[in-house]
Every structure is written in C-alpha cells, then in structure tokens.
C-alpha cells in the first residue's frame, strides 16, 4: 500500500472506542501522556492497544507540530483521546512536560504515565503498574517490562527490565548491556529497585513530580528521564520495576541508534546529568574517569570507521564544556534540596564500570556481572510520613 493510500485508510477508518469511559472517576486517577511528532501508523497501533486496556485512564496526546495528518486521524478515530497541540517541536522532554503540567493541574490525578507513540500494551499492563506503584507510599516511578517489537522474544533496548547506572553514571538496563539485549527468559520477573525508569513507558506519582520538578527540557531528548529519576532518588523516593506489566516497543523509531544526533545528545546529556546530580566526593572521583572514557569512545568510533560518530561525540563534549557554568548553577540548586546521603545513592548503583565489564571482561548479560539490585521488599525507608 502506498503512503498516500495508507494515509487515506487511516483517516477514513472507523472510530476505535474503549470499553471504559475516559471520563469516569477511576480514569481520572491516571493520565497517559504520549508525545508525538508524526507517524500515523504507529500512533494508530498504540491507541488501538490502549483501547483494549482493562483499567480506565485518560489519554493525552501532545502533538509536537506533526508534519503529517496525525491530528486529523486522532480526532476522527479516537475521539476519547485528549489533544494538546504545540506550535513547534518541543522535543521529547518539552512534549512530555507539556502533558505532565496538565496532569499536575488535575486535582484527582494521582499518577501520570509517559508512553512512547511507538508502543503497544497488554490488556492488564496498567493494573500491574498500579499494583506495584501503590504498594508503598515512597514509590515515585514504576517501569514495565519492555519487549522488542522488531525482535520478538527479546527485551527492548530502551529499558529492558529496568534501568541501572554504574559508578561513572553510564546507563544500562537489566537485560541490556551496551548494545547486547537478552531474551525474555524470566530471569528478571521479580520487581526490583531501579536507578531509572525508561521514558518509553513509566508510571510517575504526581506528588513526587510536584516535589522534584519535571524533565530538564534543555536535554531535548535522551537521558532526561534518568536525570529526573536521579533527582527523585536524592529526595528519598524509590523506583521499581513491574515485570508483570508488559509493553512492546519499536526502539529507535524516533531517532535511530545510528544517527549522529543521538550520539551527540547521549555524550553531552550524560555528562550534564553526572555533574548535576552527583555529590562532590563522587564528582571529583568519577568525572575525570568519565571524560577519559568519552575520549576513548571517540577513538573507538574512529577505528570502527564512523567519523560522523566521532565528530558527534566530540561536539557533545564541547557542548558540555561550553554549558558547564549553567550546569553548575543547576547543580547547586539540586544539591541544596537533597535528603539522601551520597553513600546511599551510590550504593544503589552497579559498583563497577559497565563499559569495562562489557568490552574488557566480556560480560554479555547482567548475570555475568554477579550483581543484582535489591528486590522490592528489601528497599530502605528514606521518607518518614510528610517529612520535608
């Protein structure tokens, strides 16, 4: 089918209505925020799967000035989905924040849920997320098990079974080290503590967001949810995985893994995230190591015949250094509000270098690390009632 024929088919298709009412009292407790910038076919699949969910919800599409006719399709086929149109592309962070601000204004909304437009969900996904989120009052974010659409039976690159950090603040995930993703073997099917919950699909407690603030929009995209989650942990909130909640994702649809822009954003934003959130004792020890590893990555890209990636990483490092004064001002404000000791925060991270584990010691799976984050029942209680 040609692109034009597919567009007409989507625009002229019948309405897809959920069995539940998006205006019910139960639906008011959860707002699903979907940032979108084009891609009618993937949006159609995402919204059709949401309509099959068992738990009622409100769904808000934040349209980042889509270049196609996504808005027209939405209004024709999915009238129960709310719409927030933006005049220009705000990026993932800005688009999500536009939706999150609306969710926080709703008195009855207890949970906001970020969801990529290139996902589909199982019917009980939201029930399982809420079960974990409501299990403790100090849970700020919950991530489902993310499974790959293009690689059936495999975990998804963007978050797999839950995000983690190493001692140098390099992100990886349970079920994904570097570019190596694992099968959905059942090894990660117990709720565990996370260092970050993937922005692909994560449930966020509105009260926690009111305390921490939202995504850092200057990141534009990539690492912004890890930065937010680090700030939440500094305030004493916990993050958990909910492996019984299953979401399927077409990783890299918005910005493919091979794009130089993604390399630039990952290098720049990960360094900014480290400076913003790590305590001085950690920063003095780890920032020189991170800069060295970034320089080695530039050499690696060159040896692999990817001069475009080398240049993108070098630009990311340069952008980080140019913006360092502003990052230090942001850091000062974040550190003034922290409530959890640095030893507790670093104790939640993998105690080695994930880069060395993968590329020097040959670790292919997280089980090769001989390390697992705590189970949900093993988490300490940092927060006490309404302490501020």
Protein backbone atom coordinates (compact mmCIF):
# COMPACT_ATOMS: atom_id res chain seq x y z
CA UNK A 1 0.00 0.00 0.00
CA UNK A 2 1.37 3.42 -0.94
CA UNK A 3 1.90 6.11 1.70
CA UNK A 4 -0.99 8.13 0.27
CA UNK A 5 -3.32 5.12 0.32
CA UNK A 6 -2.29 4.27 3.89
CA UNK A 7 -2.96 7.85 4.98
CA UNK A 8 -6.44 7.79 3.44
CA UNK A 9 -7.15 4.42 5.05
CA UNK A 10 -6.22 5.73 8.49
CA UNK A 11 -8.11 8.97 8.05
CA UNK A 12 -11.26 7.22 6.85
CA UNK A 13 -11.18 4.31 9.30
CA UNK A 14 -13.92 3.63 11.80
CA UNK A 15 -13.81 5.00 15.32
CA UNK A 16 -11.99 2.88 17.91
CA UNK A 17 -13.67 3.19 21.32
CA UNK A 18 -12.56 1.67 24.64
CA UNK A 19 -14.93 -0.42 26.75
CA UNK A 20 -14.40 2.01 29.64
CA UNK A 21 -15.14 5.72 29.88
CA UNK A 22 -12.22 8.15 29.87
CA UNK A 23 -14.42 10.49 31.92
CA UNK A 24 -15.06 8.10 34.78
CA UNK A 25 -13.83 8.72 38.32
CA UNK A 26 -11.44 5.76 38.04
CA UNK A 27 -9.97 7.09 34.78
CA UNK A 28 -9.35 10.48 36.39
CA UNK A 29 -6.67 8.96 38.62
CA UNK A 30 -4.28 8.20 35.74
CA UNK A 31 -3.32 10.36 32.79
CA UNK A 32 -1.30 8.74 29.99
CA UNK A 33 0.87 11.34 28.23
CA UNK A 34 2.02 10.49 24.70
CA UNK A 35 4.46 12.89 22.99
CA UNK A 36 4.07 12.68 19.22
CA UNK A 37 5.71 14.19 16.16
CA UNK A 38 4.43 12.35 13.14
CA UNK A 39 3.89 8.68 12.35
CA UNK A 40 0.20 7.98 11.86
CA UNK A 41 0.58 4.23 11.56
CA UNK A 42 2.48 3.74 14.81
CA UNK A 43 0.13 6.11 16.63
CA UNK A 44 -2.88 4.18 15.37
CA UNK A 45 -1.43 0.90 16.68
CA UNK A 46 -0.57 2.47 20.04
CA UNK A 47 -4.02 3.95 20.62
CA UNK A 48 -5.82 0.81 19.46
CA UNK A 49 -3.89 -1.20 22.04
CA UNK A 50 -4.69 1.35 24.78
CA UNK A 51 -8.37 0.99 23.95
CA UNK A 52 -8.06 -2.71 24.83
CA UNK A 53 -6.65 -1.98 28.30
CA UNK A 54 -8.74 -3.15 31.22
CA UNK A 55 -8.10 -0.23 33.55
CA UNK A 56 -9.76 3.12 32.70
CA UNK A 57 -7.47 6.06 32.02
CA UNK A 58 -7.31 9.49 30.46
CA UNK A 59 -5.07 9.67 27.41
CA UNK A 60 -3.45 12.93 26.34
CA UNK A 61 -1.61 13.24 23.04
CA UNK A 62 0.92 16.08 22.98
CA UNK A 63 1.40 16.80 19.29
CA UNK A 64 4.81 18.36 18.61
CA UNK A 65 3.76 20.01 15.32
CA UNK A 66 3.42 16.74 13.41
CA UNK A 67 4.25 17.12 9.72
CA UNK A 68 1.52 14.63 8.72
CA UNK A 69 -2.21 14.38 9.38
CA UNK A 70 -1.93 12.70 12.77
CA UNK A 71 -4.24 15.22 14.46
CA UNK A 72 -6.98 14.72 11.89
CA UNK A 73 -6.73 10.94 12.30
CA UNK A 74 -6.85 11.26 16.07
CA UNK A 75 -9.96 13.40 16.03
CA UNK A 76 -11.68 11.08 13.56
CA UNK A 77 -10.78 7.66 15.00
CA UNK A 78 -10.05 8.26 18.68
CA UNK A 79 -12.40 10.98 19.98
CA UNK A 80 -11.80 9.89 23.62
CA UNK A 81 -8.12 10.91 23.38
CA UNK A 82 -7.41 14.47 24.56
CA UNK A 83 -5.15 16.67 22.46
CA UNK A 84 -2.56 19.32 23.32
CA UNK A 85 -1.21 20.82 20.08
CA UNK A 86 2.18 22.56 20.15
CA UNK A 87 3.24 25.19 17.64
CA UNK A 88 6.69 23.66 17.14
CA UNK A 89 8.62 20.54 18.11
CA UNK A 90 9.50 20.77 21.81
CA UNK A 91 11.48 17.53 21.77
CA UNK A 92 10.72 14.55 23.97
CA UNK A 93 11.38 16.43 27.21
CA UNK A 94 9.36 19.50 26.28
CA UNK A 95 6.50 17.48 24.86
CA UNK A 96 6.30 15.28 27.95
CA UNK A 97 6.44 18.29 30.24
CA UNK A 98 3.59 19.97 28.39
CA UNK A 99 1.46 16.92 29.20
CA UNK A 100 2.76 16.47 32.73
CA UNK A 101 1.91 20.08 33.61
CA UNK A 102 -1.68 19.46 32.55
CA UNK A 103 -1.79 16.25 34.60
CA UNK A 104 -0.49 18.05 37.71
CA UNK A 105 -3.25 20.62 37.39
CA UNK A 106 -5.90 17.91 37.74
CA UNK A 107 -6.98 17.53 41.36
CA UNK A 108 -7.94 13.86 41.04
CA UNK A 109 -4.91 12.76 39.01
CA UNK A 110 -2.57 10.72 41.22
CA UNK A 111 -0.43 9.16 38.50
CA UNK A 112 0.94 10.41 35.19
CA UNK A 113 2.20 7.83 32.72
CA UNK A 114 4.71 8.66 29.99
CA UNK A 115 4.29 6.44 26.94
CA UNK A 116 6.05 6.48 23.58
CA UNK A 117 3.89 6.56 20.49
CA UNK A 118 5.71 3.51 19.05
CA UNK A 119 4.50 1.13 21.75
CA UNK A 120 1.68 -1.34 22.21
CA UNK A 121 0.49 -2.74 25.54
CA UNK A 122 -1.09 -5.83 27.02
CA UNK A 123 -4.58 -5.58 28.47
CA UNK A 124 -3.54 -5.72 32.15
CA UNK A 125 -0.44 -3.53 31.84
CA UNK A 126 -1.84 -0.58 33.80
CA UNK A 127 -3.32 -2.75 36.54
CA UNK A 128 0.11 -4.33 37.10
CA UNK A 129 1.90 -0.98 37.13
CA UNK A 130 -0.54 0.47 39.65
CA UNK A 131 -0.27 -2.63 41.83
CA UNK A 132 3.46 -2.01 42.25
CA UNK A 133 3.16 1.78 42.46
CA UNK A 134 0.51 1.61 45.19
CA UNK A 135 2.45 -0.99 47.20
CA UNK A 136 4.45 1.73 49.02
CA UNK A 137 3.93 5.43 49.55
CA UNK A 138 7.56 6.20 48.70
CA UNK A 139 7.43 4.82 45.15
CA UNK A 140 7.81 7.65 42.64
CA UNK A 141 8.20 5.72 39.37
CA UNK A 142 7.44 2.26 38.02
CA UNK A 143 8.69 0.74 34.75
CA UNK A 144 7.04 -2.18 32.95
CA UNK A 145 8.93 -4.97 31.24
CA UNK A 146 9.84 -3.56 27.81
CA UNK A 147 9.85 -6.06 24.95
CA UNK A 148 11.12 -5.58 21.42
CA UNK A 149 8.67 -5.39 18.52
CA UNK A 150 11.28 -5.93 15.75
CA UNK A 151 12.96 -8.74 17.74
CA UNK A 152 10.17 -10.96 19.11
CA UNK A 153 11.05 -12.77 22.33
CA UNK A 154 13.80 -10.27 23.16
CA UNK A 155 13.86 -7.49 25.71
CA UNK A 156 13.84 -3.95 24.35
CA UNK A 157 16.98 -1.83 24.13
CA UNK A 158 15.44 1.31 25.60
CA UNK A 159 14.92 -0.05 29.11
CA UNK A 160 14.52 -3.84 29.05
CA UNK A 161 13.62 -4.96 32.59
CA UNK A 162 14.63 -1.70 34.28
CA UNK A 163 17.29 0.99 34.16
CA UNK A 164 20.52 0.95 36.18
CA UNK A 165 23.68 3.09 36.48
CA UNK A 166 27.31 2.18 37.08
CA UNK A 167 29.85 4.06 39.20
CA UNK A 168 30.54 6.52 36.36
CA UNK A 169 26.82 7.10 35.72
CA UNK A 170 26.83 5.11 32.49
CA UNK A 171 23.28 3.80 31.98
CA UNK A 172 22.47 0.19 31.24
CA UNK A 173 19.44 -1.99 31.95
CA UNK A 174 18.57 -5.34 33.41
CA UNK A 175 18.61 -7.40 30.23
CA UNK A 176 20.73 -4.99 28.18
CA UNK A 177 24.46 -4.28 28.45
CA UNK A 178 25.88 -1.91 25.81
CA UNK A 179 24.17 -2.98 22.56
CA UNK A 180 23.53 -6.55 23.71
CA UNK A 181 19.92 -7.34 24.52
CA UNK A 182 18.79 -10.54 26.20
CA UNK A 183 15.89 -12.90 25.69
CA UNK A 184 12.82 -12.59 27.88
CA UNK A 185 13.81 -15.70 29.81
CA UNK A 186 12.01 -14.95 33.06
CA UNK A 187 15.25 -14.09 34.85
CA UNK A 188 14.02 -10.54 35.58
CA UNK A 189 10.43 -11.32 36.52
CA UNK A 190 10.56 -10.03 40.10
CA UNK A 191 10.09 -6.32 40.99
CA UNK A 192 13.48 -4.76 41.74
CA UNK A 193 14.88 -1.36 42.64
CA UNK A 194 15.83 0.79 39.67
CA UNK A 195 18.17 3.73 39.18
CA UNK A 196 15.96 4.95 36.32
CA UNK A 197 12.67 4.07 34.68
CA UNK A 198 12.64 4.35 30.91
CA UNK A 199 10.72 7.25 29.41
CA UNK A 200 9.44 4.76 26.84
CA UNK A 201 6.84 3.72 29.41
CA UNK A 202 6.87 4.74 33.06
CA UNK A 203 4.31 5.46 35.73
CA UNK A 204 5.06 8.62 37.76
CA UNK A 205 3.50 9.69 41.06
CA UNK A 206 2.17 13.24 40.70
CA UNK A 207 3.07 14.21 44.28
CA UNK A 208 6.68 13.20 43.63
CA UNK A 209 6.80 15.33 40.47
CA UNK A 210 5.46 18.33 42.34
CA UNK A 211 8.42 17.95 44.68
CA UNK A 212 11.18 17.22 42.17
CA UNK A 213 10.14 19.27 39.19
CA UNK A 214 9.77 17.88 35.68
CA UNK A 215 12.12 16.77 32.92
CA UNK A 216 15.05 19.08 32.10
CA UNK A 217 13.96 20.50 28.75
CA UNK A 218 17.43 21.67 27.72
CA UNK A 219 18.34 17.97 27.31
CA UNK A 220 15.80 17.95 24.43
CA UNK A 221 15.83 14.15 24.28
CA UNK A 222 17.89 11.25 25.73
CA UNK A 223 18.89 10.95 29.39
CA UNK A 224 16.25 13.40 30.61
CA UNK A 225 14.25 10.71 32.40
CA UNK A 226 17.44 9.36 34.05
CA UNK A 227 18.22 12.87 35.29
CA UNK A 228 14.68 13.24 36.68
CA UNK A 229 14.84 9.86 38.37
CA UNK A 230 18.19 10.69 39.97
CA UNK A 231 16.66 13.87 41.40
CA UNK A 232 13.74 11.87 42.75
CA UNK A 233 16.11 9.45 44.48
CA UNK A 234 18.03 12.36 46.02
CA UNK A 235 14.73 13.40 47.61
CA UNK A 236 14.18 9.95 49.10
CA UNK A 237 11.82 8.42 46.56
CA UNK A 238 12.23 4.88 45.19
CA UNK A 239 11.80 3.45 41.69
CA UNK A 240 10.68 -0.11 40.96
CA UNK A 241 10.24 -2.46 38.04
CA UNK A 242 6.88 -4.14 37.41
CA UNK A 243 7.77 -7.12 35.20
CA UNK A 244 4.18 -8.40 35.12
CA UNK A 245 3.27 -5.26 33.16
CA UNK A 246 4.35 -5.82 29.57
CA UNK A 247 4.84 -3.12 26.93
CA UNK A 248 6.13 -3.70 23.40
CA UNK A 249 8.37 -1.10 21.78
CA UNK A 250 9.85 -0.33 18.38
CA UNK A 251 13.13 1.04 19.79
CA UNK A 252 14.85 3.79 17.84
CA UNK A 253 11.81 4.80 15.77
CA UNK A 254 12.04 8.48 16.72
CA UNK A 255 15.82 8.75 16.46
CA UNK A 256 17.69 5.69 15.22
CA UNK A 257 20.71 4.31 17.07
CA UNK A 258 22.99 5.13 14.13
CA UNK A 259 22.13 8.82 13.97
CA UNK A 260 24.97 11.21 14.90
CA UNK A 261 22.47 13.45 16.71
CA UNK A 262 21.74 10.61 19.14
CA UNK A 263 25.48 10.15 19.77
CA UNK A 264 25.84 13.90 20.42
CA UNK A 265 22.90 14.02 22.84
CA UNK A 266 23.96 10.89 24.72
CA UNK A 267 27.51 12.15 25.33
CA UNK A 268 26.51 15.70 26.25
CA UNK A 269 23.50 14.84 28.37
CA UNK A 270 25.10 12.00 30.33
CA UNK A 271 27.95 14.32 31.41
CA UNK A 272 25.50 17.06 32.37
CA UNK A 273 23.45 14.54 34.34
CA UNK A 274 26.51 13.41 36.31
CA UNK A 275 27.53 16.97 37.20
CA UNK A 276 24.01 18.00 38.18
CA UNK A 277 23.27 15.10 40.50
CA UNK A 278 26.45 13.56 41.96
CA UNK A 279 27.83 14.82 45.27
CA UNK A 280 31.27 16.46 45.29
CA UNK A 281 33.03 13.37 46.59
CA UNK A 282 31.65 11.32 43.69
CA UNK A 283 32.16 14.03 41.11
CA UNK A 284 35.84 14.54 41.89
CA UNK A 285 36.45 10.80 41.61
CA UNK A 286 34.28 9.94 38.62
CA UNK A 287 34.19 12.93 36.27
CA UNK A 288 37.86 12.51 35.16
CA UNK A 289 37.17 8.83 34.52
CA UNK A 290 34.08 9.68 32.50
CA UNK A 291 35.93 12.23 30.39
CA UNK A 292 38.65 9.67 29.70
CA UNK A 293 36.08 7.04 28.72
CA UNK A 294 34.37 9.54 26.41
CA UNK A 295 37.69 10.25 24.70
CA UNK A 296 38.27 6.50 24.32
CA UNK A 297 34.80 6.22 22.80
CA UNK A 298 35.76 8.85 20.21
CA UNK A 299 38.84 6.78 19.32
CA UNK A 300 36.66 3.66 19.15
CA UNK A 301 34.22 5.32 16.73
CA UNK A 302 37.16 6.35 14.52
CA UNK A 303 38.66 2.85 14.47
CA UNK A 304 35.26 1.42 13.58
CA UNK A 305 35.09 3.72 10.55
CA UNK A 306 32.45 6.07 11.97
CA UNK A 307 34.00 9.54 11.74
CA UNK A 308 30.49 11.04 11.92
CA UNK A 309 30.03 9.47 15.35
CA UNK A 310 33.49 10.64 16.43
CA UNK A 311 32.63 14.18 15.44
CA UNK A 312 29.21 13.99 17.13
CA UNK A 313 30.77 12.75 20.40
CA UNK A 314 33.44 15.46 20.21
CA UNK A 315 30.75 18.08 19.70
CA UNK A 316 28.85 16.64 22.65
CA UNK A 317 31.93 17.00 24.85
CA UNK A 318 32.46 20.56 23.59
CA UNK A 319 28.82 21.48 24.21
CA UNK A 320 29.09 20.09 27.75
CA UNK A 321 32.17 22.23 28.47
CA UNK A 322 30.61 25.38 27.00
CA UNK A 323 27.48 24.88 29.09
CA UNK A 324 29.34 23.91 32.27
CA UNK A 325 28.76 27.25 34.10
CA UNK A 326 24.99 26.89 33.65
CA UNK A 327 25.13 23.22 34.64
CA UNK A 328 26.98 24.13 37.85
CA UNK A 329 24.25 26.64 38.73
CA UNK A 330 21.63 23.94 38.21
CA UNK A 331 23.71 21.56 40.31
CA UNK A 332 23.81 23.99 43.23
CA UNK A 333 20.03 24.14 43.41
CA UNK A 334 19.62 20.36 43.12
CA UNK A 335 22.20 19.59 45.79
CA UNK A 336 20.67 22.08 48.22
CA UNK A 337 17.42 20.10 48.18
CA UNK A 338 18.84 16.59 48.56
CA UNK A 339 17.77 14.49 51.56
CA UNK A 340 19.61 11.20 50.96
CA UNK A 341 23.31 10.70 51.70
CA UNK A 342 25.59 10.09 48.73
CA UNK A 343 26.67 6.71 50.11
CA UNK A 344 23.04 5.55 49.94
CA UNK A 345 22.65 6.78 46.36
CA UNK A 346 25.90 5.25 45.13
CA UNK A 347 25.05 2.04 46.97
CA UNK A 348 22.12 1.64 44.57
CA UNK A 349 24.45 1.62 41.52
CA UNK A 350 26.45 -1.20 39.98
CA UNK A 351 29.82 -0.96 41.81
CA UNK A 352 31.97 -1.26 38.69
CA UNK A 353 32.30 0.13 35.18
CA UNK A 354 29.76 -1.33 32.77
CA UNK A 355 31.99 -0.32 29.85
CA UNK A 356 34.95 -2.27 31.22
CA UNK A 357 32.69 -5.20 32.12
CA UNK A 358 31.32 -5.37 28.57
CA UNK A 359 34.32 -4.51 26.42
CA UNK A 360 37.25 -5.75 28.52
CA UNK A 361 35.90 -8.55 30.69
CA UNK A 362 33.40 -9.85 28.13
CA UNK A 363 30.18 -9.58 30.13
CA UNK A 364 27.28 -10.33 27.79
CA UNK A 365 24.39 -10.49 30.25
CA UNK A 366 23.61 -8.89 33.59
CA UNK A 367 24.04 -12.28 35.25
CA UNK A 368 27.70 -12.08 34.19
CA UNK A 369 28.11 -9.06 36.48
CA UNK A 370 27.46 -11.13 39.63
CA UNK A 371 25.31 -8.26 40.84
CA UNK A 372 21.59 -7.64 41.19
CA UNK A 373 19.76 -4.59 42.55
CA UNK A 374 17.61 -5.13 45.66
CA UNK A 375 14.22 -6.75 45.45
CA UNK A 376 11.23 -4.52 46.17
CA UNK A 377 10.87 -5.87 49.70
CA UNK A 378 14.50 -5.06 50.54
CA UNK A 379 14.29 -1.31 49.98
CA UNK A 380 15.04 1.00 52.92
CA UNK A 381 12.54 3.63 54.02
CA UNK A 382 14.20 7.01 53.50
CA UNK A 383 11.00 9.05 53.75
CA UNK A 384 9.06 9.35 57.01
CA UNK A 385 5.44 10.46 56.67
CA UNK A 386 5.21 14.00 55.32
CA UNK A 387 8.76 14.98 56.33
CA UNK A 388 10.17 17.80 54.21
